[in-house]
Amino acid sequence: MADRITQLQDALNQLADQFCNSIGILQQSAKPGQFPGFERSTTIDDKSIQQAGHAALFATLIARTAKDIDYLIDSLPSQDCSPELQAASLQKLEAENQEAGKKLEEVVRKGEKLLELIQKALDEIATSKLSLSETI
C-alpha cells in the first residue's frame, strides 16, 4: 500500500482527469455559437440527453474524489506531532503487533494439532477400510 502523500497525489491526478473529461463532455453537449456570416442549421438529437447523464456522473465522481482528498489531507500527521509522540505511538503499535503475533502463533498451534488429529483419524479409517476389504 502506498503512503499518504502518494495516495494524495494519485487522488489529485484522478481529480484532474475527471475535470478534463468533464470539460470534454461540456464541449460535446454545448450548443454551437452563432457567428455572423456563418449560418448553420443545428439539429438536436438524443445525444444531448446522454451528455446530461455523463455530466451528472462526472459531478458525482468529482465530489467523491474531493471528499477522498479531504480525508487524505486530514489523515496526514500534523506539525504538532513531536518525535516523542511518534515514538510512543510506534511503541504502542509494536506492543499490539506482538500481542497479535502471539495470538496468531497460538491459533497456528491449535490448527496443527487439529490437523494431526484429522490425519490420524483418516489413517485409521483408511487402515480399517483396507483390512475390511482384505477380509471380504
Protein backbone atom coordinates (compact mmCIF):
# COMPACT_ATOMS: atom_id res chain seq x y z
CA MET A 1 0.00 0.00 0.00
CA ALA A 2 1.24 3.45 -0.86
CA ASP A 3 1.95 6.13 1.69
CA ARG A 4 -0.47 9.02 2.30
CA ILE A 5 1.41 11.51 0.13
CA THR A 6 1.38 9.11 -2.83
CA GLN A 7 -2.32 8.42 -2.28
CA LEU A 8 -2.96 12.16 -2.17
CA GLN A 9 -1.02 12.69 -5.41
CA ASP A 10 -2.96 9.87 -7.10
CA ALA A 11 -6.26 11.37 -5.94
CA LEU A 12 -5.25 14.80 -7.28
CA ASN A 13 -4.29 13.24 -10.62
CA GLN A 14 -7.62 11.43 -10.71
CA LEU A 15 -9.44 14.70 -9.96
CA ALA A 16 -7.55 16.44 -12.77
CA ASP A 17 -8.54 13.64 -15.19
CA GLN A 18 -12.16 13.94 -14.11
CA PHE A 19 -12.11 17.71 -14.63
CA CYS A 20 -10.55 17.28 -18.06
CA ASN A 21 -13.10 14.66 -19.09
CA SER A 22 -16.00 16.72 -17.75
CA ILE A 23 -14.83 19.72 -19.80
CA GLY A 24 -14.86 17.45 -22.85
CA ILE A 25 -18.43 16.38 -22.05
CA LEU A 26 -19.46 20.02 -21.68
CA GLN A 27 -17.86 20.85 -25.02
CA GLN A 28 -19.67 17.99 -26.73
CA SER A 29 -23.05 18.93 -25.31
CA ALA A 30 -22.75 22.72 -25.76
CA LYS A 31 -24.85 24.36 -28.42
CA PRO A 32 -22.76 25.81 -31.22
CA GLY A 33 -22.22 29.53 -31.11
CA GLN A 34 -23.68 31.79 -33.80
CA PHE A 35 -21.24 33.90 -35.74
CA PRO A 36 -22.42 36.49 -38.24
CA GLY A 37 -21.98 35.21 -41.78
CA PHE A 38 -21.70 31.57 -40.75
CA GLU A 39 -25.26 30.33 -40.66
CA ARG A 40 -25.63 26.60 -39.99
CA SER A 41 -28.64 24.61 -39.17
CA THR A 42 -28.40 22.60 -35.99
CA THR A 43 -30.36 19.54 -35.10
CA ILE A 44 -30.97 18.38 -31.56
CA ASP A 45 -30.81 14.64 -31.08
CA ASP A 46 -30.79 12.31 -28.12
CA LYS A 47 -27.03 12.81 -27.70
CA SER A 48 -27.74 15.82 -25.51
CA ILE A 49 -29.73 13.58 -23.14
CA GLN A 50 -26.80 11.15 -22.92
CA GLN A 51 -24.41 14.03 -22.30
CA ALA A 52 -26.56 15.25 -19.41
CA GLY A 53 -26.21 11.81 -17.81
CA HIS A 54 -22.44 11.96 -18.29
CA ALA A 55 -22.35 15.42 -16.73
CA ALA A 56 -24.19 14.14 -13.65
CA LEU A 57 -21.82 11.17 -13.43
CA PHE A 58 -18.75 13.40 -13.58
CA ALA A 59 -20.24 15.75 -10.98
CA THR A 60 -20.66 12.78 -8.64
CA LEU A 61 -17.14 11.49 -9.34
CA ILE A 62 -15.60 14.92 -8.78
CA ALA A 63 -17.46 15.38 -5.48
CA ARG A 64 -16.44 11.90 -4.27
CA THR A 65 -12.80 12.43 -5.22
CA ALA A 66 -12.79 15.82 -3.47
CA LYS A 67 -14.08 14.13 -0.30
CA ASP A 68 -11.35 11.49 -0.61
CA ILE A 69 -8.75 14.24 -0.92
CA ASP A 70 -10.12 15.98 2.18
CA TYR A 71 -9.94 12.69 4.09
CA LEU A 72 -6.35 12.08 2.98
CA ILE A 73 -5.33 15.60 3.97
CA ASP A 74 -6.96 15.19 7.38
CA SER A 75 -5.13 11.89 7.90
CA LEU A 76 -1.71 13.45 7.35
CA PRO A 77 0.30 13.92 10.54
CA SER A 78 0.12 17.40 12.00
CA GLN A 79 3.07 19.67 12.60
CA ASP A 80 2.38 19.39 16.34
CA CYS A 81 3.35 15.72 16.28
CA SER A 82 6.67 15.57 18.08
CA PRO A 83 9.22 12.78 17.72
CA GLU A 84 8.41 11.69 21.29
CA LEU A 85 4.72 11.27 20.42
CA GLN A 86 5.63 9.38 17.26
CA ALA A 87 7.96 7.08 19.22
CA ALA A 88 5.25 6.41 21.82
CA SER A 89 2.76 5.66 19.07
CA LEU A 90 5.22 3.29 17.42
CA GLN A 91 5.87 1.52 20.72
CA LYS A 92 2.13 1.08 21.25
CA LEU A 93 1.75 -0.31 17.73
CA GLU A 94 4.70 -2.63 18.31
CA ALA A 95 3.10 -3.96 21.51
CA GLU A 96 -0.19 -4.54 19.67
CA ASN A 97 1.73 -6.27 16.90
CA GLN A 98 3.49 -8.55 19.40
CA GLU A 99 0.17 -9.46 21.03
CA ALA A 100 -1.40 -10.22 17.64
CA GLY A 101 1.65 -12.33 16.76
CA LYS A 102 1.25 -14.38 19.94
CA LYS A 103 -2.44 -14.93 19.20
CA LEU A 104 -1.58 -16.00 15.66
CA GLU A 105 1.05 -18.46 16.89
CA GLU A 106 -1.49 -19.97 19.30
CA VAL A 107 -4.08 -20.34 16.54
CA VAL A 108 -1.48 -21.96 14.27
CA ARG A 109 -0.52 -24.38 17.07
CA LYS A 110 -4.16 -25.34 17.63
CA GLY A 111 -4.63 -25.73 13.87
CA GLU A 112 -1.62 -28.02 13.60
CA LYS A 113 -2.91 -30.18 16.49
CA LEU A 114 -6.32 -30.39 14.84
CA LEU A 115 -4.70 -31.30 11.52
CA GLU A 116 -2.75 -34.07 13.29
CA LEU A 117 -5.95 -35.47 14.79
CA ILE A 118 -7.71 -35.39 11.44
CA GLN A 119 -4.79 -37.10 9.72
CA LYS A 120 -4.74 -39.83 12.40
CA ALA A 121 -8.48 -40.33 12.03
CA LEU A 122 -8.17 -40.56 8.25
CA ASP A 123 -5.29 -43.01 8.60
CA GLU A 124 -7.36 -45.18 10.95
CA ILE A 125 -10.33 -45.04 8.57
CA ALA A 126 -8.12 -46.00 5.61
CA THR A 127 -6.49 -48.83 7.57
CA SER A 128 -9.82 -50.23 8.74
CA LYS A 129 -11.24 -49.92 5.23
CA LEU A 130 -8.25 -51.81 3.79
CA SER A 131 -8.43 -54.54 6.41
CA LEU A 132 -12.16 -54.85 5.85
CA SER A 133 -11.75 -55.14 2.09
CA GLU A 134 -8.99 -57.79 2.52
CA THR A 135 -11.27 -59.95 4.63
CA ILE A 136 -14.05 -59.86 2.07
